Amino acid sequence: MTQRWEMFIDGGHVGSSEYDDIIDPATEEVVAQVARGDLASADIAVRAARAAHERGEWRSLPPGERADVLQRLVDLMGEDMDRLADLHVAENGSTIRTAIGFHVGYAISNLQYFVDLARRYPFEEGGPTLFYPTAAMGRVRREPIGVCAAIVPWNFPLLLAIWKIGPALAAGNTVVLKTDEKTPLTMLAVAELAHRAGVPAGVFNVITGPGEVVGARLAAHPDVRKVAFTGSTEVGKQVMALAAGNIKRVTLELGGKGPNIVLPDADLEVAIDGSIFAFLLQTGQACESGTRLLVHSSIHDDFVAGLVKRAQDVIVGDPKDHDTDVGPLISAEQRQRVLDYIELGVKEGATLVLGGEQLRGAGYETGFWVEPTVFTDVTNDMRIAREEIFGPVLCVLRYDTIDEAVRIANDTEYGLSAGVWSRDIATAMEVAERLESGTVWINDWHMVSCEYPFGGYKQSGLGRELGPGSLDEYTEQKFIHVDLAGERENHIFDVVLSTPPAEDGR
């Protein structure tokens, strides 16, 4: 019998009148049934989170003691890594190698970073003693915001959740996390581990349900003081508009169309491997993917030939097999979206040099498969070069000068990621500084470090996740002034009030 999963609210499991099937993207089998959240679920979860915040048992803990609890969660996740990875593969379709090493393993190390950061973060700092206009002392405090909503997508459901709940909980907030309808299992499992670790009831709640219902309610809810969202740019705009109702703090990590520039002096073998990794990680279902490959005309033909040959060695298949490099897309709907874009690219005049079809035959009888696909003769005005396809599709564009490459790279509404490949690091740095992007990799891709901020320019988002300032996004800054003068005549208000009137009597 298929296991039924319930939401996790106020320290316990909460069911619903309807349950949704969770489909394995590789086998199309039902791997679980999960309670479908609704407006009432969102309200119950927010009410629990607000009550927990008002009780103060979490926010009043010294930061080091909160860190101790979260450290226990890190340890429990480490002990449960294999089960979390298996859940992730079953609901998400990522390869088991990627699930263990990246989706789960890297998520745990990121949570460890937030635990360590909580121990050294300046929640309270003394300022300089003031002597003018009056003798005074100042204190600057960082205090938790209150109820924070986190809304995460299906492509990196655990890692992107940790980027939100890690700093939120470390800062003393309470959290309501809304999972994507397709991938709730991993985070529901983590919610149980958090409870076992000692996170108090109501402090961390995980709910499910349609984004347009449950996610919208969280974004608009008057008791939610901060919303952190990762997803498409269009939905991000809706979240931002809904959050305006009570002037919520908002962090948005949205779409991308990453330009990947190969300079003529690049190490071609390294750049080819890196460019394949840039567009095929998670079967191309990543906002920061390098999906626009800009290659200098002098090396274009050799580079494309080498890339196509190398990409043919990529193993697409059973994500549970440790030899597999690329798994399926998340759903039949996403597969059709990608195939429609491939058809559009051909109509627009691009040349299909690799792939372009739905995989069929032995090993692909079930599942949502699309071949790794490469287009050449792409121009930046084509829709396949401008719109986020979210699949294993690479668009190759020619350029003749660095100025042209930078112009093409920046000619987009997005600005999440970019890359430069060159043996000359000084030149690569000059190009990187000209690119309108929150992250620029030089001779690498997808290397997001918890030590550095991540986020986008332009319509790729607002705010930053990760890095030493990540708790800033989940705290309010308060300044406390303490007068040291002690006598009325030394006060600034005495000076102001005793100022004689002007000659005209005003």
Protein backbone atom coordinates (compact mmCIF):
# COMPACT_ATOMS: atom_id res chain seq x y z
CA MET A 1 0.00 0.00 0.00
CA THR A 2 1.28 3.46 -0.92
CA GLN A 3 2.45 5.40 2.12
CA ARG A 4 0.43 8.45 3.09
CA TRP A 5 2.26 11.56 4.27
CA GLU A 6 0.74 14.42 6.22
CA MET A 7 1.74 18.03 6.72
CA PHE A 8 3.80 18.96 9.77
CA ILE A 9 2.25 21.81 11.77
CA ASP A 10 2.76 22.88 15.37
CA GLY A 11 4.89 19.85 16.21
CA GLY A 12 2.56 17.20 14.78
CA HIS A 13 1.11 15.66 11.65
CA VAL A 14 -1.93 17.25 10.04
CA GLY A 15 -3.93 15.55 7.30
CA SER A 16 -6.49 16.89 4.85
CA SER A 17 -9.58 15.81 3.01
CA GLU A 18 -7.63 15.28 -0.23
CA TYR A 19 -4.32 13.60 -1.00
CA ASP A 20 -2.12 14.06 -4.07
CA ASP A 21 -0.07 11.36 -5.78
CA ILE A 22 3.69 11.89 -5.85
CA ILE A 23 5.02 10.52 -9.14
CA ASP A 24 8.50 9.11 -9.73
CA PRO A 25 9.70 11.01 -12.86
CA ALA A 26 11.68 7.98 -14.08
CA THR A 27 9.09 5.25 -13.62
CA GLU A 28 5.81 7.23 -13.45
CA GLU A 29 4.91 5.12 -10.42
CA VAL A 30 3.08 6.58 -7.43
CA VAL A 31 5.68 6.62 -4.66
CA ALA A 32 3.54 8.32 -2.00
CA GLN A 33 0.34 10.20 -1.35
CA VAL A 34 0.59 13.55 0.39
CA ALA A 35 -2.04 15.63 2.12
CA ARG A 36 -3.11 18.57 -0.05
CA GLY A 37 -2.91 21.82 1.89
CA ASP A 38 -5.42 24.63 1.35
CA LEU A 39 -6.22 28.11 2.65
CA ALA A 40 -7.20 26.72 6.04
CA SER A 41 -3.90 24.81 6.27
CA ALA A 42 -1.94 27.98 5.57
CA ASP A 43 -3.87 29.90 8.21
CA ILE A 44 -3.43 27.15 10.80
CA ALA A 45 0.32 26.98 10.15
CA VAL A 46 0.76 30.76 10.34
CA ARG A 47 -1.28 30.87 13.53
CA ALA A 48 0.96 28.20 15.06
CA ALA A 49 4.09 30.03 13.96
CA ARG A 50 2.85 33.35 15.33
CA ALA A 51 1.91 31.78 18.66
CA ALA A 52 5.35 30.19 18.91
CA HIS A 53 7.00 33.51 18.16
CA GLU A 54 4.91 35.29 20.79
CA ARG A 55 5.69 32.62 23.40
CA GLY A 56 9.32 33.45 22.76
CA GLU A 57 10.83 30.09 23.71
CA TRP A 58 12.87 30.00 20.49
CA ARG A 59 13.74 33.66 19.94
CA SER A 60 14.63 34.16 23.61
CA LEU A 61 17.20 31.36 23.55
CA PRO A 62 20.78 32.62 23.42
CA PRO A 63 22.10 32.25 19.86
CA GLY A 64 24.52 29.56 20.94
CA GLU A 65 21.69 27.44 22.35
CA ARG A 66 19.66 27.82 19.16
CA ALA A 67 22.77 26.74 17.31
CA ASP A 68 23.03 23.67 19.54
CA VAL A 69 19.52 22.58 18.54
CA LEU A 70 20.21 23.17 14.86
CA GLN A 71 23.48 21.26 15.21
CA ARG A 72 21.46 18.25 16.36
CA LEU A 73 19.38 18.63 13.19
CA VAL A 74 22.57 18.66 11.10
CA ASP A 75 23.69 15.47 12.81
CA LEU A 76 20.33 13.75 12.34
CA MET A 77 20.25 14.68 8.66
CA GLY A 78 23.73 13.25 8.27
CA GLU A 79 22.65 10.00 9.90
CA ASP A 80 19.59 9.88 7.64
CA MET A 81 21.40 10.93 4.45
CA ASP A 82 20.73 7.73 2.50
CA ARG A 83 16.98 7.85 3.15
CA LEU A 84 16.81 11.55 2.30
CA ALA A 85 18.70 10.91 -0.94
CA ASP A 86 16.39 8.04 -1.88
CA LEU A 87 13.34 10.23 -1.25
CA HIS A 88 14.86 12.99 -3.32
CA VAL A 89 15.53 10.71 -6.29
CA ALA A 90 12.04 9.22 -6.09
CA GLU A 91 10.19 12.53 -6.12
CA ASN A 92 12.60 14.74 -8.07
CA GLY A 93 14.32 12.50 -10.62
CA SER A 94 17.83 13.67 -9.83
CA THR A 95 20.56 11.08 -10.16
CA ILE A 96 21.56 9.30 -6.99
CA ARG A 97 25.11 10.67 -7.34
CA THR A 98 23.79 14.22 -7.47
CA ALA A 99 21.32 13.58 -4.67
CA ILE A 100 23.95 12.28 -2.25
CA GLY A 101 26.74 14.69 -3.09
CA PHE A 102 24.79 17.84 -3.87
CA HIS A 103 21.08 17.92 -3.06
CA VAL A 104 21.46 16.30 0.36
CA GLY A 105 25.16 16.43 1.17
CA TYR A 106 25.58 20.07 0.21
CA ALA A 107 22.32 21.00 1.95
CA ILE A 108 23.65 19.53 5.19
CA SER A 109 26.94 21.40 4.86
CA ASN A 110 25.02 24.62 4.17
CA LEU A 111 22.94 24.13 7.30
CA GLN A 112 26.19 23.57 9.20
CA TYR A 113 27.37 26.94 7.87
CA PHE A 114 24.28 28.67 9.28
CA VAL A 115 24.77 26.91 12.62
CA ASP A 116 28.34 28.19 12.81
CA LEU A 117 27.26 31.64 11.64
CA ALA A 118 24.66 31.85 14.42
CA ARG A 119 27.43 31.43 16.99
CA ARG A 120 29.43 34.40 15.70
CA TYR A 121 26.76 36.67 14.20
CA PRO A 122 26.66 40.16 15.80
CA PHE A 123 23.15 40.04 17.26
CA GLU A 124 24.14 42.91 19.53
CA GLU A 125 26.97 45.39 19.17
CA GLY A 126 28.00 48.44 21.12
CA GLY A 127 28.64 51.61 19.17
CA PRO A 128 31.05 54.45 19.93
CA THR A 129 30.32 56.75 22.87
CA LEU A 130 28.97 60.07 21.59
CA PHE A 131 30.00 63.46 22.99
CA TYR A 132 28.19 65.75 20.56
CA PRO A 133 25.45 66.90 20.47
CA THR A 134 25.18 65.12 23.83
CA ALA A 135 27.04 62.45 25.74
CA ALA A 136 25.41 59.14 24.89
CA MET A 137 25.96 55.47 24.33
CA GLY A 138 24.44 53.41 21.52
CA ARG A 139 23.59 49.75 21.07
CA VAL A 140 22.67 48.08 17.78
CA ARG A 141 20.59 44.93 18.00
CA ARG A 142 19.56 42.41 15.37
CA GLU A 143 16.19 40.94 16.32
CA PRO A 144 14.10 38.22 14.61
CA ILE A 145 11.42 39.48 12.26
CA GLY A 146 8.71 37.06 13.36
CA VAL A 147 6.82 34.64 11.14
CA CYS A 148 8.74 33.93 7.92
CA ALA A 149 7.24 32.13 4.92
CA ALA A 150 9.52 30.10 2.67
CA ILE A 151 8.25 28.94 -0.73
CA VAL A 152 10.49 26.52 -2.62
CA PRO A 153 10.36 24.93 -6.12
CA TRP A 154 10.68 21.33 -7.22
CA ASN A 155 14.14 21.39 -8.80
CA PHE A 156 16.22 21.77 -5.58
CA PRO A 157 13.57 21.30 -2.88
CA LEU A 158 15.91 20.51 0.01
CA LEU A 159 18.88 22.75 -0.74
CA LEU A 160 16.80 25.84 -1.48
CA ALA A 161 14.71 25.21 1.63
CA ILE A 162 17.85 25.09 3.77
CA TRP A 163 18.96 28.42 2.30
CA LYS A 164 15.80 29.90 3.80
CA ILE A 165 15.02 27.99 6.97
CA GLY A 166 18.69 27.86 8.05
CA PRO A 167 19.20 31.61 8.51
CA ALA A 168 15.58 32.16 9.55
CA LEU A 169 15.77 29.69 12.43
CA ALA A 170 19.32 30.67 13.34
CA ALA A 171 18.11 34.26 13.75
CA GLY A 172 15.26 33.21 16.07
CA ASN A 173 12.30 33.41 13.70
CA THR A 174 9.46 30.95 13.24
CA VAL A 175 8.91 29.47 9.78
CA VAL A 176 6.15 28.16 7.55
CA LEU A 177 7.66 26.31 4.59
CA LYS A 178 5.50 25.63 1.53
CA THR A 179 6.87 22.79 -0.57
CA ASP A 180 6.15 22.35 -4.25
CA GLU A 181 3.28 19.96 -4.93
CA LYS A 182 5.57 17.58 -6.82
CA THR A 183 8.38 17.32 -4.26
CA PRO A 184 7.19 17.51 -0.63
CA LEU A 185 8.66 14.28 0.77
CA THR A 186 12.22 15.30 1.60
CA MET A 187 11.18 18.41 3.53
CA LEU A 188 8.41 16.59 5.40
CA ALA A 189 11.07 14.11 6.51
CA VAL A 190 13.35 16.97 7.59
CA ALA A 191 10.49 18.53 9.60
CA GLU A 192 10.26 15.34 11.65
CA LEU A 193 14.03 15.39 12.18
CA ALA A 194 13.85 19.02 13.32
CA HIS A 195 11.22 18.06 15.88
CA ARG A 196 13.44 15.23 17.13
CA ALA A 197 16.36 17.66 17.33
CA GLY A 198 14.42 19.84 19.75
CA VAL A 199 13.00 22.63 17.59
CA PRO A 200 9.91 23.68 19.61
CA ALA A 201 6.39 23.08 18.31
CA GLY A 202 5.22 25.79 15.93
CA VAL A 203 8.71 27.08 15.20
CA PHE A 204 9.12 25.08 11.98
CA ASN A 205 6.05 24.05 10.01
CA VAL A 206 5.88 22.36 6.58
CA ILE A 207 2.73 22.59 4.48
CA THR A 208 1.77 21.45 1.01
CA GLY A 209 -0.75 22.40 -1.63
CA PRO A 210 -1.08 24.40 -4.85
CA GLY A 211 1.14 27.45 -5.09
CA GLU A 212 -1.63 29.64 -6.46
CA VAL A 213 -3.68 28.87 -3.33
CA VAL A 214 -1.36 28.12 -0.41
CA GLY A 215 1.69 30.05 -1.58
CA ALA A 216 -0.43 33.07 -2.46
CA ARG A 217 -2.05 32.99 0.98
CA LEU A 218 1.34 32.98 2.70
CA ALA A 219 2.59 35.85 0.54
CA ALA A 220 -0.49 37.93 1.40
CA HIS A 221 -1.03 36.82 5.01
CA PRO A 222 -1.06 39.78 7.41
CA ASP A 223 0.77 37.82 10.12
CA VAL A 224 3.69 36.83 7.87
CA ARG A 225 6.47 39.41 8.14
CA LYS A 226 8.94 37.98 5.64
CA VAL A 227 8.58 35.84 2.53
CA ALA A 228 11.46 34.12 0.75
CA PHE A 229 10.58 32.69 -2.66
CA THR A 230 12.48 30.79 -5.32
CA GLY A 231 10.78 30.16 -8.64
CA SER A 232 9.88 31.75 -11.93
CA THR A 233 10.08 35.47 -12.55
CA GLU A 234 6.38 35.71 -13.34
CA VAL A 235 5.33 34.09 -10.08
CA GLY A 236 7.94 36.15 -8.24
CA LYS A 237 6.21 39.31 -9.45
CA GLN A 238 2.93 38.01 -8.04
CA VAL A 239 4.57 37.21 -4.70
CA MET A 240 6.04 40.69 -4.55
CA ALA A 241 2.66 42.29 -5.25
CA LEU A 242 0.90 40.16 -2.64
CA ALA A 243 3.58 40.91 -0.05
CA ALA A 244 2.99 44.64 -0.45
CA GLY A 245 -0.21 44.39 1.58
CA ASN A 246 1.63 44.63 4.89
CA ILE A 247 5.05 45.72 3.55
CA LYS A 248 6.66 42.31 4.05
CA ARG A 249 10.36 41.83 3.75
CA VAL A 250 10.90 39.93 0.49
CA THR A 251 13.72 37.81 -0.90
CA LEU A 252 13.25 36.56 -4.46
CA GLU A 253 15.52 34.20 -6.41
CA LEU A 254 13.98 33.97 -9.86
CA GLY A 255 14.71 32.92 -13.44
CA GLY A 256 17.90 33.00 -15.45
CA LYS A 257 19.36 32.61 -18.92
CA GLY A 258 23.02 32.33 -18.08
CA PRO A 259 25.52 33.56 -20.69
CA ASN A 260 28.62 31.35 -20.82
CA ILE A 261 31.47 33.11 -22.67
CA VAL A 262 34.38 31.11 -24.10
CA LEU A 263 37.34 33.37 -24.96
CA PRO A 264 39.66 32.30 -27.79
CA ASP A 265 42.52 31.42 -25.42
CA ALA A 266 40.43 29.10 -23.23
CA ASP A 267 41.52 25.55 -22.47
CA LEU A 268 39.02 23.95 -24.83
CA GLU A 269 38.79 20.56 -23.13
CA VAL A 270 38.11 22.14 -19.75
CA ALA A 271 35.66 24.63 -21.23
CA ILE A 272 33.80 21.89 -23.13
CA ASP A 273 33.37 19.75 -20.03
CA GLY A 274 32.39 22.79 -18.00
CA SER A 275 29.87 23.97 -20.58
CA ILE A 276 28.20 20.56 -20.67
CA PHE A 277 27.98 20.54 -16.87
CA ALA A 278 26.64 24.11 -16.99
CA PHE A 279 23.57 23.18 -19.01
CA LEU A 280 22.93 19.56 -17.96
CA LEU A 281 23.04 19.62 -14.16
CA GLN A 282 19.61 18.52 -12.89
CA THR A 283 18.68 17.85 -16.57
CA GLY A 284 18.89 21.59 -17.23
CA GLN A 285 16.22 22.35 -14.65
CA ALA A 286 18.21 24.99 -12.77
CA CYS A 287 17.75 28.75 -12.83
CA GLU A 288 21.50 29.37 -12.89
CA SER A 289 22.17 26.97 -15.79
CA GLY A 290 24.52 28.11 -18.53
CA THR A 291 22.09 27.89 -21.42
CA ARG A 292 23.54 30.57 -23.74
CA LEU A 293 27.01 29.53 -24.87
CA LEU A 294 28.93 32.38 -26.54
CA VAL A 295 31.91 31.09 -28.54
CA HIS A 296 34.46 33.21 -30.40
CA SER A 297 34.29 32.75 -34.18
CA SER A 298 37.94 31.68 -34.38
CA ILE A 299 37.29 28.55 -32.29
CA HIS A 300 33.55 28.10 -32.84
CA ASP A 301 33.53 25.12 -35.20
CA ASP A 302 36.18 23.12 -33.33
CA PHE A 303 34.54 23.88 -30.01
CA VAL A 304 31.08 22.81 -31.15
CA ALA A 305 32.44 19.62 -32.70
CA GLY A 306 34.24 18.75 -29.47
CA LEU A 307 31.20 19.61 -27.35
CA VAL A 308 28.86 17.45 -29.43
CA LYS A 309 31.28 14.51 -29.35
CA ARG A 310 31.73 14.84 -25.58
CA ALA A 311 27.98 15.23 -24.92
CA GLN A 312 27.31 11.97 -26.76
CA ASP A 313 29.17 10.19 -23.94
CA VAL A 314 26.75 11.51 -21.33
CA ILE A 315 24.68 8.67 -19.85
CA VAL A 316 20.96 9.45 -19.64
CA GLY A 317 18.97 6.88 -17.76
CA ASP A 318 17.90 5.33 -14.47
CA PRO A 319 18.63 7.95 -11.79
CA LYS A 320 19.11 5.21 -9.18
CA ASP A 321 22.10 3.86 -11.14
CA HIS A 322 25.37 5.39 -9.91
CA ASP A 323 26.72 5.45 -13.48
CA THR A 324 23.92 7.72 -14.72
CA ASP A 325 24.83 11.33 -15.49
CA VAL A 326 21.43 12.80 -16.43
CA GLY A 327 17.98 11.77 -15.28
CA PRO A 328 14.45 12.56 -16.47
CA LEU A 329 12.56 15.81 -16.43
CA ILE A 330 10.20 16.36 -13.53
CA SER A 331 6.89 15.72 -15.34
CA ALA A 332 5.12 15.05 -18.62
CA GLU A 333 4.11 18.71 -18.68
CA GLN A 334 7.73 19.85 -18.40
CA ARG A 335 8.80 17.37 -21.08
CA GLN A 336 6.22 18.80 -23.47
CA ARG A 337 7.32 22.35 -22.66
CA VAL A 338 10.92 21.48 -23.56
CA LEU A 339 9.93 19.67 -26.75
CA ASP A 340 7.81 22.66 -27.79
CA TYR A 341 10.81 24.96 -27.37
CA ILE A 342 12.98 22.60 -29.43
CA GLU A 343 10.40 22.68 -32.22
CA LEU A 344 10.30 26.48 -31.92
CA GLY A 345 14.08 26.69 -32.23
CA VAL A 346 14.00 24.79 -35.52
CA LYS A 347 11.24 27.09 -36.81
CA GLU A 348 13.23 30.15 -35.78
CA GLY A 349 16.11 29.02 -37.98
CA ALA A 350 18.54 27.59 -35.45
CA THR A 351 20.49 24.47 -36.47
CA LEU A 352 19.91 21.35 -34.39
CA VAL A 353 23.29 19.60 -34.07
CA LEU A 354 22.53 17.23 -31.20
CA GLY A 355 19.45 15.58 -29.73
CA GLY A 356 16.09 17.26 -29.95
CA GLU A 357 13.90 14.22 -29.37
CA GLN A 358 12.03 12.43 -26.64
CA LEU A 359 14.02 9.35 -25.64
CA ARG A 360 12.20 6.11 -26.39
CA GLY A 361 12.92 2.40 -26.47
CA ALA A 362 14.60 0.08 -24.00
CA GLY A 363 15.08 1.79 -20.65
CA TYR A 364 12.78 4.67 -21.56
CA GLU A 365 9.41 2.91 -21.69
CA THR A 366 8.29 5.07 -18.78
CA GLY A 367 9.50 8.40 -17.50
CA PHE A 368 9.85 11.94 -18.81
CA TRP A 369 12.91 11.87 -21.04
CA VAL A 370 14.40 14.36 -23.48
CA GLU A 371 17.78 14.00 -25.17
CA PRO A 372 20.54 16.51 -24.39
CA THR A 373 20.03 19.06 -27.15
CA VAL A 374 22.37 21.59 -28.77
CA PHE A 375 21.46 24.37 -31.22
CA THR A 376 23.94 26.40 -33.26
CA ASP A 377 23.35 29.43 -35.51
CA VAL A 378 21.36 30.95 -32.66
CA THR A 379 20.89 34.71 -32.50
CA ASN A 380 20.02 36.56 -29.34
CA ASP A 381 16.65 37.73 -30.66
CA MET A 382 15.34 34.15 -30.91
CA ARG A 383 12.93 33.06 -28.21
CA ILE A 384 15.07 30.01 -27.43
CA ALA A 385 17.89 32.42 -26.58
CA ARG A 386 15.74 34.77 -24.50
CA GLU A 387 13.26 32.59 -22.62
CA GLU A 388 13.98 30.11 -19.85
CA ILE A 389 13.41 26.63 -21.28
CA PHE A 390 14.26 24.73 -18.08
CA GLY A 391 15.48 21.61 -19.78
CA PRO A 392 18.59 20.04 -21.36
CA VAL A 393 18.81 22.55 -24.22
CA LEU A 394 21.91 24.61 -25.09
CA CYS A 395 21.96 27.58 -27.48
CA VAL A 396 25.34 28.36 -29.09
CA LEU A 397 25.94 31.94 -30.32
CA ARG A 398 28.95 33.30 -32.21
CA TYR A 399 30.78 36.51 -31.36
CA ASP A 400 33.81 38.31 -32.82
CA THR A 401 34.91 40.75 -30.11
CA ILE A 402 34.75 40.88 -26.33
CA ASP A 403 32.59 44.00 -26.53
CA GLU A 404 30.10 42.07 -28.68
CA ALA A 405 30.12 39.12 -26.26
CA VAL A 406 29.43 41.39 -23.29
CA ARG A 407 26.66 43.17 -25.16
CA ILE A 408 24.97 39.86 -26.06
CA ALA A 409 25.44 38.51 -22.55
CA ASN A 410 23.81 41.56 -20.95
CA ASP A 411 20.99 41.78 -23.50
CA THR A 412 18.49 39.90 -21.35
CA GLU A 413 15.94 40.59 -18.63
CA TYR A 414 17.80 38.10 -16.43
CA GLY A 415 20.98 38.45 -14.41
CA LEU A 416 21.41 35.43 -12.16
CA SER A 417 24.53 33.71 -13.45
CA ALA A 418 27.27 34.04 -16.05
CA GLY A 419 30.62 32.48 -16.86
CA VAL A 420 33.92 33.20 -18.59
CA TRP A 421 36.49 30.66 -19.79
CA SER A 422 40.05 31.84 -20.37
CA ARG A 423 43.65 31.04 -19.50
CA ASP A 424 44.18 34.76 -18.89
CA ILE A 425 42.61 35.38 -15.49
CA ALA A 426 43.16 39.15 -15.69
CA THR A 427 41.21 39.37 -18.94
CA ALA A 428 38.52 37.03 -17.60
CA MET A 429 38.18 39.26 -14.53
CA GLU A 430 37.75 42.33 -16.72
CA VAL A 431 34.97 40.59 -18.63
CA ALA A 432 33.36 39.33 -15.41
CA GLU A 433 33.23 42.85 -13.99
CA ARG A 434 31.27 44.02 -17.05
CA LEU A 435 28.61 41.30 -16.83
CA GLU A 436 25.26 42.18 -15.23
CA SER A 437 24.93 39.12 -13.08
CA GLY A 438 24.80 38.27 -9.40
CA THR A 439 27.29 35.43 -9.85
CA VAL A 440 30.05 35.10 -12.46
CA TRP A 441 32.14 31.96 -12.60
CA ILE A 442 35.58 31.96 -14.20
CA ASN A 443 36.60 28.54 -15.56
CA ASP A 444 33.80 26.87 -13.61
CA TRP A 445 30.02 26.67 -13.26
CA HIS A 446 27.39 25.85 -10.59
CA MET A 447 29.96 26.31 -7.81
CA VAL A 448 27.74 28.10 -5.30
CA SER A 449 29.51 28.51 -1.96
CA CYS A 450 27.71 29.06 1.32
CA GLU A 451 30.48 31.55 2.16
CA TYR A 452 29.40 33.94 -0.62
CA PRO A 453 26.09 35.67 -1.39
CA PHE A 454 23.87 34.28 -4.15
CA GLY A 455 21.12 36.16 -5.99
CA GLY A 456 20.27 38.01 -9.15
CA TYR A 457 20.36 41.30 -10.98
CA LYS A 458 17.38 42.71 -12.88
CA GLN A 459 14.41 40.33 -13.10
CA SER A 460 16.38 37.48 -11.59
CA GLY A 461 15.43 38.58 -8.11
CA LEU A 462 15.85 40.69 -5.00
CA GLY A 463 18.12 40.22 -2.02
CA ARG A 464 20.77 37.59 -1.44
CA GLU A 465 20.95 34.17 0.14
CA LEU A 466 24.07 32.60 1.69
CA GLY A 467 27.17 34.43 2.83
CA PRO A 468 27.98 36.15 6.14
CA GLY A 469 25.13 38.62 5.63
CA SER A 470 22.45 35.96 5.15
CA LEU A 471 21.03 36.47 8.64
CA ASP A 472 20.61 40.17 7.84
CA GLU A 473 17.70 39.16 5.59
CA TYR A 474 15.95 37.57 8.60
CA THR A 475 16.54 40.21 11.25
CA GLU A 476 15.34 43.70 12.01
CA GLN A 477 17.99 46.25 12.98
CA LYS A 478 17.28 48.27 16.11
CA PHE A 479 19.30 51.17 17.52
CA ILE A 480 19.03 51.91 21.24
CA HIS A 481 20.23 55.32 22.48
CA VAL A 482 21.28 55.72 26.15
CA ASP A 483 21.83 59.23 27.43
CA LEU A 484 24.93 59.71 29.59
CA ALA A 485 24.77 63.46 30.16
CA GLY A 486 22.68 63.25 33.31
CA GLU A 487 21.78 66.95 33.48
CA ARG A 488 19.06 68.85 31.65
CA GLU A 489 21.28 71.69 30.51
CA ASN A 490 23.50 69.24 28.67
CA HIS A 491 20.67 67.77 26.65
CA ILE A 492 20.10 68.48 23.00
CA PHE A 493 16.44 69.26 23.71
CA ASP A 494 17.55 71.94 26.19
CA VAL A 495 19.63 73.57 23.48
CA VAL A 496 16.78 73.41 20.98
CA LEU A 497 14.06 74.61 23.36
CA SER A 498 16.15 77.48 24.73
CA THR A 499 17.02 78.93 21.33
CA PRO A 500 15.76 82.54 21.32
CA PRO A 501 13.11 83.45 18.74
CA ALA A 502 14.06 85.30 15.59
CA GLU A 503 13.65 89.08 15.50
CA ASP A 504 10.42 88.79 13.50
CA GLY A 505 8.93 86.71 16.29
CA ARG A 506 8.93 83.41 14.44
